[in-house]
Amino acid sequence: MTRQPGRMLGAVIGIAMGMALTLSMITIYAGFERTLDLTFTVVDRSDVTVGFARPVGEDAIFALRRIPGVEVVEPTRAVGAVLRNGRFSHQGAITGLTEAPELIRAIDSDYATIEMPENGIVLAKELAELLGITPGEMLTIEVMGGNQPVLEIPVVAIAQSLLGAPAYMGMEALNRALGEPGLASGAYLRIDTAHEQEIFAALRDMPMIAGVSLKSEMRTAFETLMNQGAGATRYVMGLVAFIITFGIVYNAARVAQAERARDLASLRVIGFHRGETAFVLLGELAVVTLLALPLGSLMGHFMSSAVAEGFSTELYQIPALFLPESHGYSALVVIAAALFSGWLVKRDLDRADITTALKTRE
């Protein structure tokens, strides 16, 4: 090991890189699951989402509350708009929430509820970065429906969002800015599942309702979306990461065996047993692997952030979760690759022709 420190260092770095790639993919798998879990358990705590055919008044909300089995009704107002900040712009929607939202919430980086301000807008972190705007600055909003007013609204807070890039306002403040008080375009419902069929039957009979969505169906739809396109490549990359990790470990063992073929044969001639001879080579592989584990864990920590950012899109953001079990699983992958590579090398050592190896020139 000390005679060829360059090769030794190269093997350590190579195995560490393989572990880092494996760790980053395991982190991405956990990030996708965390995105779905946070979105549909922390941000959205409703059971059913109702969309109205057109903005409706408070009578429609009262009608929903009167349905047996409906426990909580939380109205919302969504308005299509172009958000502008200087030369930066984004076409999306502004979601108006109640003053203290319970079923659908804007959350901060600590996953605490951001209460809707009386005046001002709350932007998702990704949207704020896209627009290059910070709290306290004015945002130009070009409303795309109705009279298409152009509004100047201050940004009051930055929210944490993992699906989409939403913009939130207090529902009363949004309606007041539009000059349309008391209107709602949809509602979030918490229901008693024992009355689910009766509730859906009642909703279908209401002419002002354009669509009804179960949260479980929405989660399945988003999961399907995340498993298509760029999201699907995470499984391919996970397989590639495992193959690369095994290839690096196996290559390091093979190179060491080829360089020491004559030495190992000489040990057999002077009386070393097969196990003792293999220990000289496999002991080196074990040391190299153990040295690579902490380095790979450190490299994977930084690589995970870069890979998570690469997988994130406007539709969803993937967090880089640095979980202890992820480091443990990636280390087990490297150790398993080392054990299998060691077994293959030892099998070839046992089959090696000592005479041919001794005839090989240095």
Foldseek 3Di string as FASTA:
>chain_A
DVVCVVLLVVLLVLLLQLLLLLLLLLLLVVLVVVQLCCVCVLQAQFFKKFFFPDWDFCVVQVVLVPQPFWDDKWFKAKFWKWKADPPFIDTDIEIAGAQQDDRGAFAAPVSDGDGADLFAKEWEPVVCVRRVHDAPAWMWIQTDDDPRDIDTGGHHYYTHHFFAIYMYHHNQNVCVVVVHGRIGRMIGTHGRVVCVVVSVVVLVPDNRTDDMDGSVVVSVVVVVVCCDDLNVCSVVSSVVSLVSSLVSLLVSLVVLCVVCLQVLLVCVVVPDDLVRSLCVSLVSSVVSLVSSLVSSLVSSLVVSQVVQCVSADNRGGGDRDSDPVSSVVSSVSNVVSSVVSSVVSSVVSVVDDSVVSNPDDD
